[in-house]
Each structure stands twice: as C-alpha cells, then as structure tokens.
C-alpha cells in the first residue's frame, strides 16, 4: 500500500496540490502559534502569549480540519475511478482507506520541513509585532524548542486521518459494483441521516445564539465564532438544498433573458440542476465570507459600542489581533476556494467537449462560464452572509438592545468584492483552459 500511495502522489501531483497546500498551512500555522506558547514558558509575565497562542492554535486546528476534508475529498475524487477499480479486483474497504491514509501521511512528511521553517519565521515576526504593541514583554523571544514543530506535524496527522475517514466514506462502503457505478453518476439526494444531522446542528446554533445574548463581550465573541463555525458545518451537511434555493432566485433574471439562446440561461439551468456540484463550489466561498463577516461584526461592533467604556489601547489591540485572525481565516478559505473551483471546473472537461461536439460555439461556452462563475460566487456570498447573520444579531443584542450590528463598509466591502473576484477568476481561468482542449480527444479519453 505504501508503494501504491507514493505512486499516486508521483503520477498525479496536480490532484494533490490543493491538499498539500492545506496541510502546509496547517503545519506552519500550528508551529507558529505553538511557538507563542513555548515563548510564554521562557518569558516572565508571558501568560498573555500563552493565551494568544492557544486561542489562535485552536482556531487553526478547526480551520485546518474543515479545509483538509474539502481538499482531500477532491483529491480522492480525482482518483475515484482507480479506487473503485481496486474494489472490483478484491481490494477491501479497509485497504482502500489505508491507501488514502498513507497518501495523506506521505504528503504531511513532504510538507513538514518547509512548513516548520515558515512557521518559525512567522512566529518571530508575530512576536516582534506583539512586543511593539505592548502585548508581550520586551525580552520575549521564540526559543529553539523542537516541540512546537513536532506537535504541529502530529496534530496535522490527526487532522489528516480524521479527514480521510470522511473523505473515504463513500468509496469504501457498499459493494465494489456500487462503487464503480458511483464514478459515473451524481447522486441527487443527501440522505436522511445527513439531513437529520444538519438539522440538529442548525438547532444547536439557535440554542447557542440564545445563550449568547446577555453574555460578557469576550464570552459573547467566542460564542459567536463557535456559532459561525457550527453554521458552516450545517451548510456543509445541508448544502445542496440552500444552494439550490439561492441560485434559483439569483438565476431568475438570466433564465428570463433572451430565452434558450443565452449563455446565461444555460448557466442558470445548469447550476440549478447540479445541486451537489454547486454545493461543493459555494461552501468554501461561504466559509471565507461567513467567518470573515463574523469577525468583522465582532470587531466593529465592540469598537463602536464600547469606545467610551474600554481604553483606546485595549480596543485597538483587540482589533489588531482580530485582524490577524481574519487574515488567517482568509488564507485557509482562499486555499479551499481555489482548490474546489479549479477541481470542479477541470472535472467538467467531458461536459464542455460534448457541448462543443453538438454545436455550441466557443463564445457561447465562454458566456456560460462567465455567468456560472458569477452565479456561483454570488451564491457563496449570500450563503456566507446568511451564516453570519444569526450570530451577528445575537452578538449585537449581547452588547446593546439593538439587533443590528455595526459594520464599517469601508472595511467590509473589500472582503465581499475580493471573494467574488477570487471565485470568478479561479473558475474562468480553469474553464478557459478546459474548453481549449480538443473535444474529440477529450470525449474518448478514459
């Protein structure tokens, strides 16, 4: 199995690029904030460093898990037919799962050394910035302790193994013939268990929002973040349903515009008809927008409503730290978004080739791509804002009696615009490269 795992990594490097990037980020970020905890143990009065490192490391672990599941899922999808063939030639589900685990472990071993170096450099820069702002003692340094890098790799291995459990669920269950049949069809249902679990998570978010109201600002902020993360889990579970509802509403103008001759009409019908594929595309965008929105709401609302209560220095430092959290979340969300959209678009090369062979012009395909990319991006943004809305309202109520949170549009607009531009650019670049392939060769390729 080890030889097969390394063989897949060598022959399909592009399929594992997104996963390798996500694992690299996980190891480097956990190394960075683990180094903050190590610095606290060697610095007098460094308790704040330990708190900052622990809080940031916890968020990094959660984000790494979410992104690793997404990117590993697409890495497995790229070799789904090969794994299904292994099942048909007597490979057991346990062997298939072991193969994927070896692939994940191999990637972690490859990315760990450069990730350790990146994490160490980032830790020194971050600690220097904390010292400059008075959030760390003047003599604080990052010690040459091997434990943070080692813990980061071990933690990432744990994350990767948990991600492998979710990612291999479909290919490893059922009969070999069912696994093979699954390579050529997209299921239209999400299953009763997944639906029930999603609804339970939604109910939990509602309970958390009720608990959030009336809490102290710091406790309310942490609860709001937890609620946003739980909402992301609910969206991942129930994704096809809300994604289809939103894209149906957003795509209505395109379906009414110029009838069946319009590339926009084709894009609107196509995205609505492939709810699972659409859900896979919009969840990372919603992750990026939803969590960024939640952090912006927490930061701006606290700064606006508590400006006369907290000292300016404390408020500014809090804003600065939350800005780092937003940047970290944006980095993970960007990796997930790019990997997902590029993988999904590239996987549709046979579909584009068939459209070309039955008479679609390149201009029509480009227009369809453009409309689809905009629809996908806007759907992700709408769902991201919807995810942030309940916890944001609850957080605003915890500080004041006003349910409307305060957000600086000058800071918030770039997040929304950046998410849309990122999604549209990724899908268009991947799509243009895909439709440029020879259609006859693409259709007959295995």
Protein backbone atom coordinates (compact mmCIF):
# COMPACT_ATOMS: atom_id res chain seq x y z
CA UNK A 1 0.00 0.00 0.00
CA UNK A 2 2.86 2.38 0.74
CA UNK A 3 4.26 1.85 -2.76
CA UNK A 4 0.84 2.46 -4.34
CA UNK A 5 0.36 5.60 -2.26
CA UNK A 6 3.70 7.08 -3.35
CA UNK A 7 2.95 6.07 -6.93
CA UNK A 8 -0.29 8.04 -6.89
CA UNK A 9 1.48 11.08 -5.44
CA UNK A 10 4.14 10.94 -8.17
CA UNK A 11 1.82 10.36 -11.12
CA UNK A 12 -0.98 12.75 -10.05
CA UNK A 13 0.79 15.70 -8.40
CA UNK A 14 -1.79 18.23 -9.63
CA UNK A 15 -4.60 16.28 -7.93
CA UNK A 16 -2.87 16.60 -4.56
CA UNK A 17 -1.65 20.20 -4.90
CA UNK A 18 -4.59 21.68 -3.02
CA UNK A 19 -4.33 19.12 -0.23
CA UNK A 20 -0.57 19.66 0.05
CA UNK A 21 -1.12 23.42 0.34
CA UNK A 22 -3.76 22.97 3.04
CA UNK A 23 -1.51 20.62 5.02
CA UNK A 24 1.43 23.01 4.62
CA UNK A 25 -0.68 25.83 6.03
CA UNK A 26 -1.85 23.66 8.91
CA UNK A 27 1.68 22.63 9.95
CA UNK A 28 3.11 26.13 9.57
CA UNK A 29 0.28 27.93 11.41
CA UNK A 30 0.20 25.44 14.29
CA UNK A 31 4.01 25.69 14.51
CA UNK A 32 3.70 29.45 14.64
CA UNK A 33 1.22 29.60 17.48
CA UNK A 34 2.80 26.66 19.30
CA UNK A 35 5.97 28.73 19.32
CA UNK A 36 4.00 31.50 21.05
CA UNK A 37 3.14 29.09 23.85
CA UNK A 38 6.79 27.98 24.02
CA UNK A 39 7.87 31.63 24.24
CA UNK A 40 5.45 32.15 27.12
CA UNK A 41 7.12 29.37 29.13
CA UNK A 42 10.52 31.06 28.86
CA UNK A 43 9.32 34.64 29.41
CA UNK A 44 8.41 36.17 32.75
CA UNK A 45 4.87 37.51 32.63
CA UNK A 46 4.18 35.77 29.32
CA UNK A 47 0.73 34.46 30.22
CA UNK A 48 -0.87 36.60 27.52
CA UNK A 49 1.37 34.95 24.96
CA UNK A 50 0.12 31.54 26.03
CA UNK A 51 -3.50 32.69 25.78
CA UNK A 52 -2.96 34.20 22.33
CA UNK A 53 -1.09 31.13 21.08
CA UNK A 54 -3.67 28.72 22.47
CA UNK A 55 -6.67 30.62 21.12
CA UNK A 56 -5.18 31.08 17.66
CA UNK A 57 -3.95 27.48 17.56
CA UNK A 58 -7.43 26.19 18.38
CA UNK A 59 -8.95 28.18 15.51
CA UNK A 60 -6.19 26.99 13.19
CA UNK A 61 -6.93 23.35 14.05
CA UNK A 62 -10.64 23.77 13.33
CA UNK A 63 -9.99 25.54 10.04
CA UNK A 64 -7.35 23.00 9.04
CA UNK A 65 -9.82 20.18 9.65
CA UNK A 66 -12.52 21.81 7.55
CA UNK A 67 -10.20 22.67 4.66
CA UNK A 68 -8.42 19.29 4.80
CA UNK A 69 -11.73 17.44 4.45
CA UNK A 70 -12.63 19.57 1.44
CA UNK A 71 -9.30 19.33 -0.35
CA UNK A 72 -8.85 15.62 0.41
CA UNK A 73 -12.33 14.98 -0.94
CA UNK A 74 -11.33 16.46 -4.28
CA UNK A 75 -8.00 14.62 -4.27
CA UNK A 76 -9.91 11.36 -3.86
CA UNK A 77 -12.45 12.37 -6.48
CA UNK A 78 -9.57 12.73 -8.94
CA UNK A 79 -8.64 9.08 -8.40
CA UNK A 80 -12.14 7.79 -7.66
CA UNK A 81 -12.24 5.53 -10.70
CA UNK A 82 -8.89 3.97 -9.77
CA UNK A 83 -10.05 3.33 -6.21
CA UNK A 84 -13.30 1.84 -7.49
CA UNK A 85 -11.33 -0.46 -9.80
CA UNK A 86 -9.28 -1.60 -6.82
CA UNK A 87 -12.51 -2.56 -5.11
CA UNK A 88 -13.55 -4.64 -8.12
CA UNK A 89 -10.27 -6.60 -8.09
CA UNK A 90 -10.74 -7.71 -4.48
CA UNK A 91 -9.29 -4.76 -2.54
CA UNK A 92 -11.14 -4.49 0.76
CA UNK A 93 -12.64 -1.23 2.07
CA UNK A 94 -10.03 -1.31 4.82
CA UNK A 95 -7.22 -1.47 2.25
CA UNK A 96 -8.67 1.47 0.31
CA UNK A 97 -8.89 3.54 3.48
CA UNK A 98 -5.32 2.56 4.39
CA UNK A 99 -4.11 3.63 0.94
CA UNK A 100 -5.64 7.08 1.38
CA UNK A 101 -4.19 7.39 4.88
CA UNK A 102 -0.74 6.58 3.53
CA UNK A 103 -1.18 9.28 0.86
CA UNK A 104 -2.10 11.85 3.49
CA UNK A 105 0.76 10.83 5.77
CA UNK A 106 3.21 10.95 2.87
CA UNK A 107 2.14 14.48 1.97
CA UNK A 108 2.48 15.62 5.57
CA UNK A 109 6.02 14.25 5.71
CA UNK A 110 6.86 16.09 2.48
CA UNK A 111 5.46 19.48 3.52
CA UNK A 112 6.51 19.45 7.18
CA UNK A 113 10.17 20.61 6.87
CA UNK A 114 9.39 23.74 4.79
CA UNK A 115 6.29 24.34 6.92
CA UNK A 116 8.40 24.26 10.10
CA UNK A 117 10.70 26.88 8.64
CA UNK A 118 7.79 29.08 7.53
CA UNK A 119 6.10 28.74 10.94
CA UNK A 120 9.29 29.67 12.79
CA UNK A 121 9.81 32.80 10.68
CA UNK A 122 6.16 33.80 11.09
CA UNK A 123 6.37 33.24 14.86
CA UNK A 124 9.33 35.59 15.20
CA UNK A 125 7.62 38.27 13.12
CA UNK A 126 4.35 37.92 15.05
CA UNK A 127 6.12 38.02 18.43
CA UNK A 128 8.04 41.13 17.37
CA UNK A 129 4.76 42.83 16.45
CA UNK A 130 3.25 41.84 19.82
CA UNK A 131 6.25 43.31 21.65
CA UNK A 132 5.99 46.55 19.66
CA UNK A 133 2.32 46.89 20.68
CA UNK A 134 2.94 46.13 24.33
CA UNK A 135 1.14 42.79 24.24
CA UNK A 136 4.27 40.82 25.12
CA UNK A 137 7.23 41.51 27.45
CA UNK A 138 10.14 43.35 25.88
CA UNK A 139 12.54 40.44 26.32
CA UNK A 140 10.27 37.79 24.81
CA UNK A 141 11.93 35.53 22.24
CA UNK A 142 10.96 32.37 20.35
CA UNK A 143 13.08 29.57 21.87
CA UNK A 144 14.72 26.93 19.73
CA UNK A 145 12.34 24.30 21.03
CA UNK A 146 11.65 21.29 18.78
CA UNK A 147 8.32 20.55 20.44
CA UNK A 148 6.12 23.08 18.54
CA UNK A 149 7.10 21.75 15.06
CA UNK A 150 6.74 18.16 16.24
CA UNK A 151 3.35 18.84 17.82
CA UNK A 152 2.27 20.68 14.68
CA UNK A 153 3.07 17.68 12.50
CA UNK A 154 1.40 15.24 14.88
CA UNK A 155 -1.68 17.45 15.12
CA UNK A 156 -1.83 17.73 11.33
CA UNK A 157 -1.52 13.95 11.02
CA UNK A 158 -4.51 13.65 13.35
CA UNK A 159 -6.43 16.18 11.25
CA UNK A 160 -5.49 14.36 8.05
CA UNK A 161 -6.55 10.96 9.40
CA UNK A 162 -9.90 12.35 10.53
CA UNK A 163 -10.35 13.97 7.13
CA UNK A 164 -9.58 10.61 5.49
CA UNK A 165 -12.41 8.99 7.43
CA UNK A 166 -14.94 11.43 5.97
CA UNK A 167 -13.42 11.51 2.50
CA UNK A 168 -13.31 7.73 2.04
CA UNK A 169 -16.78 7.07 3.40
CA UNK A 170 -18.48 6.84 0.02
CA UNK A 171 -15.83 4.84 -1.85
CA UNK A 172 -15.28 2.33 0.97
CA UNK A 173 -18.88 1.44 1.76
CA UNK A 174 -21.21 -0.73 -0.26
CA UNK A 175 -20.31 -3.31 -2.86
CA UNK A 176 -17.50 -2.97 -5.44
CA UNK A 177 -20.06 -2.72 -8.24
CA UNK A 178 -21.82 0.12 -6.43
CA UNK A 179 -18.50 1.92 -6.01
CA UNK A 180 -17.81 1.56 -9.72
CA UNK A 181 -21.29 2.80 -10.63
CA UNK A 182 -20.76 5.82 -8.41
CA UNK A 183 -17.94 7.04 -10.66
CA UNK A 184 -20.33 7.90 -13.46
CA UNK A 185 -23.34 9.36 -11.68
CA UNK A 186 -24.03 12.21 -9.29
CA UNK A 187 -26.49 11.31 -6.61
CA UNK A 188 -29.39 13.70 -6.27
CA UNK A 189 -30.08 13.06 -2.59
CA UNK A 190 -28.12 13.80 0.55
CA UNK A 191 -29.66 11.04 2.66
CA UNK A 192 -31.89 11.13 5.70
CA UNK A 193 -29.06 10.77 8.25
CA UNK A 194 -27.12 13.70 6.79
CA UNK A 195 -30.30 15.78 6.69
CA UNK A 196 -31.16 14.92 10.30
CA UNK A 197 -27.64 15.69 11.46
CA UNK A 198 -27.70 19.03 9.64
CA UNK A 199 -30.99 20.00 11.24
CA UNK A 200 -29.64 19.07 14.68
CA UNK A 201 -26.65 21.35 14.11
CA UNK A 202 -28.97 24.15 13.00
CA UNK A 203 -30.96 23.70 16.22
CA UNK A 204 -27.73 23.81 18.20
CA UNK A 205 -26.81 27.11 16.54
CA UNK A 206 -30.18 28.51 17.58
CA UNK A 207 -29.63 27.45 21.18
CA UNK A 208 -26.14 28.95 21.13
CA UNK A 209 -27.48 32.27 19.82
CA UNK A 210 -29.99 32.35 22.67
CA UNK A 211 -27.21 31.65 25.17
CA UNK A 212 -25.01 34.32 23.58
CA UNK A 213 -27.42 37.17 24.35
CA UNK A 214 -26.57 38.76 27.68
CA UNK A 215 -23.03 37.39 27.96
CA UNK A 216 -19.93 39.45 28.60
CA UNK A 217 -18.31 40.84 25.41
CA UNK A 218 -15.35 38.43 25.36
CA UNK A 219 -17.54 35.40 26.06
CA UNK A 220 -20.09 36.55 23.51
CA UNK A 221 -17.37 36.99 20.89
CA UNK A 222 -16.07 33.44 21.41
CA UNK A 223 -19.62 32.05 21.32
CA UNK A 224 -20.34 33.96 18.11
CA UNK A 225 -17.27 32.46 16.45
CA UNK A 226 -18.27 28.98 17.60
CA UNK A 227 -21.77 29.58 16.23
CA UNK A 228 -20.38 30.65 12.86
CA UNK A 229 -18.24 27.50 12.67
CA UNK A 230 -21.23 25.33 13.60
CA UNK A 231 -23.26 27.07 10.90
CA UNK A 232 -20.55 26.17 8.40
CA UNK A 233 -20.90 22.52 9.41
CA UNK A 234 -24.67 22.75 8.93
CA UNK A 235 -24.18 24.27 5.48
CA UNK A 236 -21.74 21.52 4.52
CA UNK A 237 -24.32 18.91 5.57
CA UNK A 238 -27.40 20.53 4.03
CA UNK A 239 -25.55 22.38 1.25
CA UNK A 240 -27.45 21.22 -1.87
CA UNK A 241 -30.82 22.46 -0.59
CA UNK A 242 -29.94 26.05 0.41
CA UNK A 243 -27.55 26.36 -2.55
CA UNK A 244 -30.28 25.40 -5.00
CA UNK A 245 -32.77 27.82 -3.43
CA UNK A 246 -30.35 30.75 -3.59
CA UNK A 247 -29.10 30.05 -7.12
CA UNK A 248 -32.71 29.66 -8.33
CA UNK A 249 -33.53 33.15 -7.08
CA UNK A 250 -30.28 34.72 -8.31
CA UNK A 251 -30.52 32.99 -11.68
CA UNK A 252 -34.09 34.08 -12.40
CA UNK A 253 -33.05 37.16 -14.43
CA UNK A 254 -30.69 35.02 -16.54
CA UNK A 255 -33.39 32.46 -17.25
CA UNK A 256 -35.72 35.21 -18.42
CA UNK A 257 -33.05 36.93 -20.53
CA UNK A 258 -33.04 36.09 -24.24
CA UNK A 259 -34.52 32.63 -23.75
CA UNK A 260 -32.65 29.46 -24.63
CA UNK A 261 -30.10 31.21 -26.87
CA UNK A 262 -28.46 32.92 -23.95
CA UNK A 263 -25.33 31.50 -22.33
CA UNK A 264 -26.67 32.95 -19.08
CA UNK A 265 -29.86 30.90 -19.43
CA UNK A 266 -27.80 27.74 -19.91
CA UNK A 267 -25.64 28.61 -16.90
CA UNK A 268 -28.67 29.24 -14.67
CA UNK A 269 -30.33 25.97 -15.63
CA UNK A 270 -27.08 24.03 -15.36
CA UNK A 271 -26.16 25.27 -11.89
CA UNK A 272 -29.67 24.72 -10.57
CA UNK A 273 -29.74 21.18 -11.97
CA UNK A 274 -26.49 20.09 -10.31
CA UNK A 275 -27.14 20.95 -6.69
CA UNK A 276 -24.39 18.74 -5.25
CA UNK A 277 -21.74 20.16 -7.54
CA UNK A 278 -22.95 23.69 -6.81
CA UNK A 279 -22.87 22.99 -3.07
CA UNK A 280 -19.27 21.81 -3.28
CA UNK A 281 -18.36 25.03 -5.10
CA UNK A 282 -20.14 27.51 -2.84
CA UNK A 283 -19.32 26.08 0.60
CA UNK A 284 -15.66 27.28 0.54
CA UNK A 285 -16.78 30.73 -0.63
CA UNK A 286 -19.36 30.81 2.14
CA UNK A 287 -16.66 29.73 4.59
CA UNK A 288 -14.46 32.63 3.54
CA UNK A 289 -17.26 35.20 3.63
CA UNK A 290 -19.17 33.88 6.65
CA UNK A 291 -16.27 33.68 9.08
CA UNK A 292 -14.74 36.95 7.86
CA UNK A 293 -18.11 38.64 8.28
CA UNK A 294 -18.46 37.29 11.81
CA UNK A 295 -15.04 38.61 12.80
CA UNK A 296 -15.74 41.98 11.21
CA UNK A 297 -19.03 42.25 13.07
CA UNK A 298 -17.42 41.34 16.40
CA UNK A 299 -14.56 43.78 15.93
CA UNK A 300 -16.54 46.74 14.57
CA UNK A 301 -19.47 46.34 16.96
CA UNK A 302 -17.22 46.15 20.03
CA UNK A 303 -15.19 49.12 18.86
CA UNK A 304 -18.28 51.19 18.02
CA UNK A 305 -20.42 50.48 21.09
CA UNK A 306 -17.63 50.22 23.69
CA UNK A 307 -15.43 53.08 22.55
CA UNK A 308 -16.33 55.06 25.67
CA UNK A 309 -16.04 52.09 28.01
CA UNK A 310 -12.74 50.42 27.10
CA UNK A 311 -9.43 52.28 26.88
CA UNK A 312 -8.39 53.08 23.34
CA UNK A 313 -5.24 50.97 23.58
CA UNK A 314 -7.15 47.86 24.63
CA UNK A 315 -9.71 48.36 21.88
CA UNK A 316 -7.02 48.93 19.25
CA UNK A 317 -5.07 45.86 20.34
CA UNK A 318 -8.21 43.74 20.23
CA UNK A 319 -8.89 44.99 16.72
CA UNK A 320 -5.35 44.27 15.66
CA UNK A 321 -5.47 40.66 16.99
CA UNK A 322 -8.83 40.00 15.36
CA UNK A 323 -7.39 41.35 12.12
CA UNK A 324 -4.74 38.62 12.30
CA UNK A 325 -7.49 36.06 12.87
CA UNK A 326 -9.36 37.32 9.81
CA UNK A 327 -6.19 37.09 7.74
CA UNK A 328 -5.59 33.51 8.89
CA UNK A 329 -9.16 32.51 8.09
CA UNK A 330 -8.96 34.24 4.73
CA UNK A 331 -5.81 32.30 3.91
CA UNK A 332 -7.42 28.94 4.67
CA UNK A 333 -10.63 29.96 2.90
CA UNK A 334 -8.70 31.08 -0.18
CA UNK A 335 -6.94 27.72 -0.45
CA UNK A 336 -10.24 25.85 -0.14
CA UNK A 337 -11.96 28.11 -2.67
CA UNK A 338 -9.22 27.90 -5.29
CA UNK A 339 -8.81 24.14 -4.96
CA UNK A 340 -12.54 23.46 -5.10
CA UNK A 341 -13.40 25.68 -8.05
CA UNK A 342 -10.39 24.64 -10.12
CA UNK A 343 -11.01 20.94 -9.43
CA UNK A 344 -14.73 21.14 -10.18
CA UNK A 345 -14.25 23.11 -13.39
CA UNK A 346 -11.46 20.90 -14.68
CA UNK A 347 -13.50 17.77 -13.95
CA UNK A 348 -16.19 19.02 -16.38
CA UNK A 349 -13.94 18.81 -19.43
CA UNK A 350 -16.00 15.98 -20.95
CA UNK A 351 -19.18 18.01 -20.49
CA UNK A 352 -17.68 21.01 -22.29
CA UNK A 353 -16.37 18.75 -25.07
CA UNK A 354 -19.82 17.24 -25.61
CA UNK A 355 -21.39 20.69 -25.79
CA UNK A 356 -18.83 21.64 -28.43
CA UNK A 357 -19.48 18.50 -30.48
CA UNK A 358 -23.25 19.10 -30.56
CA UNK A 359 -22.80 22.63 -31.88
CA UNK A 360 -22.03 25.01 -29.01
CA UNK A 361 -19.60 27.73 -30.05
CA UNK A 362 -16.63 28.81 -28.00
CA UNK A 363 -18.27 32.19 -27.48
CA UNK A 364 -21.36 30.50 -26.01
CA UNK A 365 -19.22 28.38 -23.73
CA UNK A 366 -17.28 31.41 -22.51
CA UNK A 367 -20.52 33.28 -21.81
CA UNK A 368 -21.86 30.25 -19.96
CA UNK A 369 -18.65 30.03 -17.93
CA UNK A 370 -18.80 33.72 -17.05
CA UNK A 371 -22.43 33.51 -15.97
CA UNK A 372 -21.83 30.33 -13.97
CA UNK A 373 -18.81 31.80 -12.20
CA UNK A 374 -20.72 34.94 -11.20
CA UNK A 375 -23.74 32.89 -10.06
CA UNK A 376 -21.51 30.58 -8.02
CA UNK A 377 -19.65 33.47 -6.42
CA UNK A 378 -22.80 35.39 -5.54
CA UNK A 379 -24.47 32.26 -4.15
CA UNK A 380 -21.47 31.67 -1.91
CA UNK A 381 -21.51 35.28 -0.73
CA UNK A 382 -25.26 35.18 0.05
CA UNK A 383 -24.90 31.93 1.98
CA UNK A 384 -21.85 33.29 3.81
CA UNK A 385 -23.74 36.39 4.91
CA UNK A 386 -26.69 34.20 5.91
CA UNK A 387 -24.37 32.08 8.06
CA UNK A 388 -23.03 35.14 9.84
CA UNK A 389 -26.41 36.83 10.32
CA UNK A 390 -27.86 34.88 13.32
CA UNK A 391 -24.71 35.01 15.45
CA UNK A 392 -24.07 38.62 14.45
CA UNK A 393 -27.55 39.67 15.54
CA UNK A 394 -27.19 37.76 18.80
CA UNK A 395 -23.80 39.34 19.44
CA UNK A 396 -25.18 42.83 18.81
CA UNK A 397 -28.00 42.13 21.26
CA UNK A 398 -25.48 40.98 23.86
CA UNK A 399 -23.81 44.40 23.76
CA UNK A 400 -26.85 46.63 23.25
CA UNK A 401 -30.58 46.34 22.76
CA UNK A 402 -30.11 46.95 19.05
CA UNK A 403 -30.23 43.75 16.92
CA UNK A 404 -28.44 45.49 14.04
CA UNK A 405 -24.67 45.00 14.32
CA UNK A 406 -22.29 47.76 13.33
CA UNK A 407 -20.06 47.10 10.33
CA UNK A 408 -17.71 49.51 8.62
CA UNK A 409 -18.50 49.14 4.92
CA UNK A 410 -15.11 50.58 4.06
CA UNK A 411 -13.51 47.52 5.67
CA UNK A 412 -16.25 45.05 4.80
CA UNK A 413 -16.74 45.78 1.10
CA UNK A 414 -13.22 44.61 0.12
CA UNK A 415 -13.96 41.22 1.71
CA UNK A 416 -17.09 40.70 -0.39
CA UNK A 417 -15.54 42.07 -3.57
CA UNK A 418 -12.37 40.06 -3.02
CA UNK A 419 -14.33 36.82 -2.51
CA UNK A 420 -16.31 37.37 -5.72
CA UNK A 421 -13.21 38.26 -7.75
CA UNK A 422 -11.31 35.27 -6.37
CA UNK A 423 -14.10 32.84 -7.23
CA UNK A 424 -14.81 34.26 -10.68
CA UNK A 425 -11.13 34.40 -11.63
CA UNK A 426 -10.42 30.83 -10.48
CA UNK A 427 -13.40 29.38 -12.33
CA UNK A 428 -12.82 31.38 -15.50
CA UNK A 429 -9.10 30.56 -15.75
CA UNK A 430 -9.71 26.85 -15.17
CA UNK A 431 -12.70 26.86 -17.53
CA UNK A 432 -10.93 28.63 -20.38
CA UNK A 433 -8.06 26.16 -20.20
CA UNK A 434 -10.53 23.27 -20.20
CA UNK A 435 -12.64 24.34 -23.18
CA UNK A 436 -9.45 24.92 -25.19
CA UNK A 437 -8.83 21.14 -25.20
CA UNK A 438 -9.61 19.14 -28.32
CA UNK A 439 -13.23 17.94 -27.84
CA UNK A 440 -12.88 14.67 -29.78
CA UNK A 441 -9.81 13.62 -27.79
CA UNK A 442 -11.41 14.66 -24.51
CA UNK A 443 -14.60 12.67 -25.06
CA UNK A 444 -12.75 9.46 -26.00
CA UNK A 445 -10.17 9.76 -23.22
CA UNK A 446 -10.52 7.24 -20.36
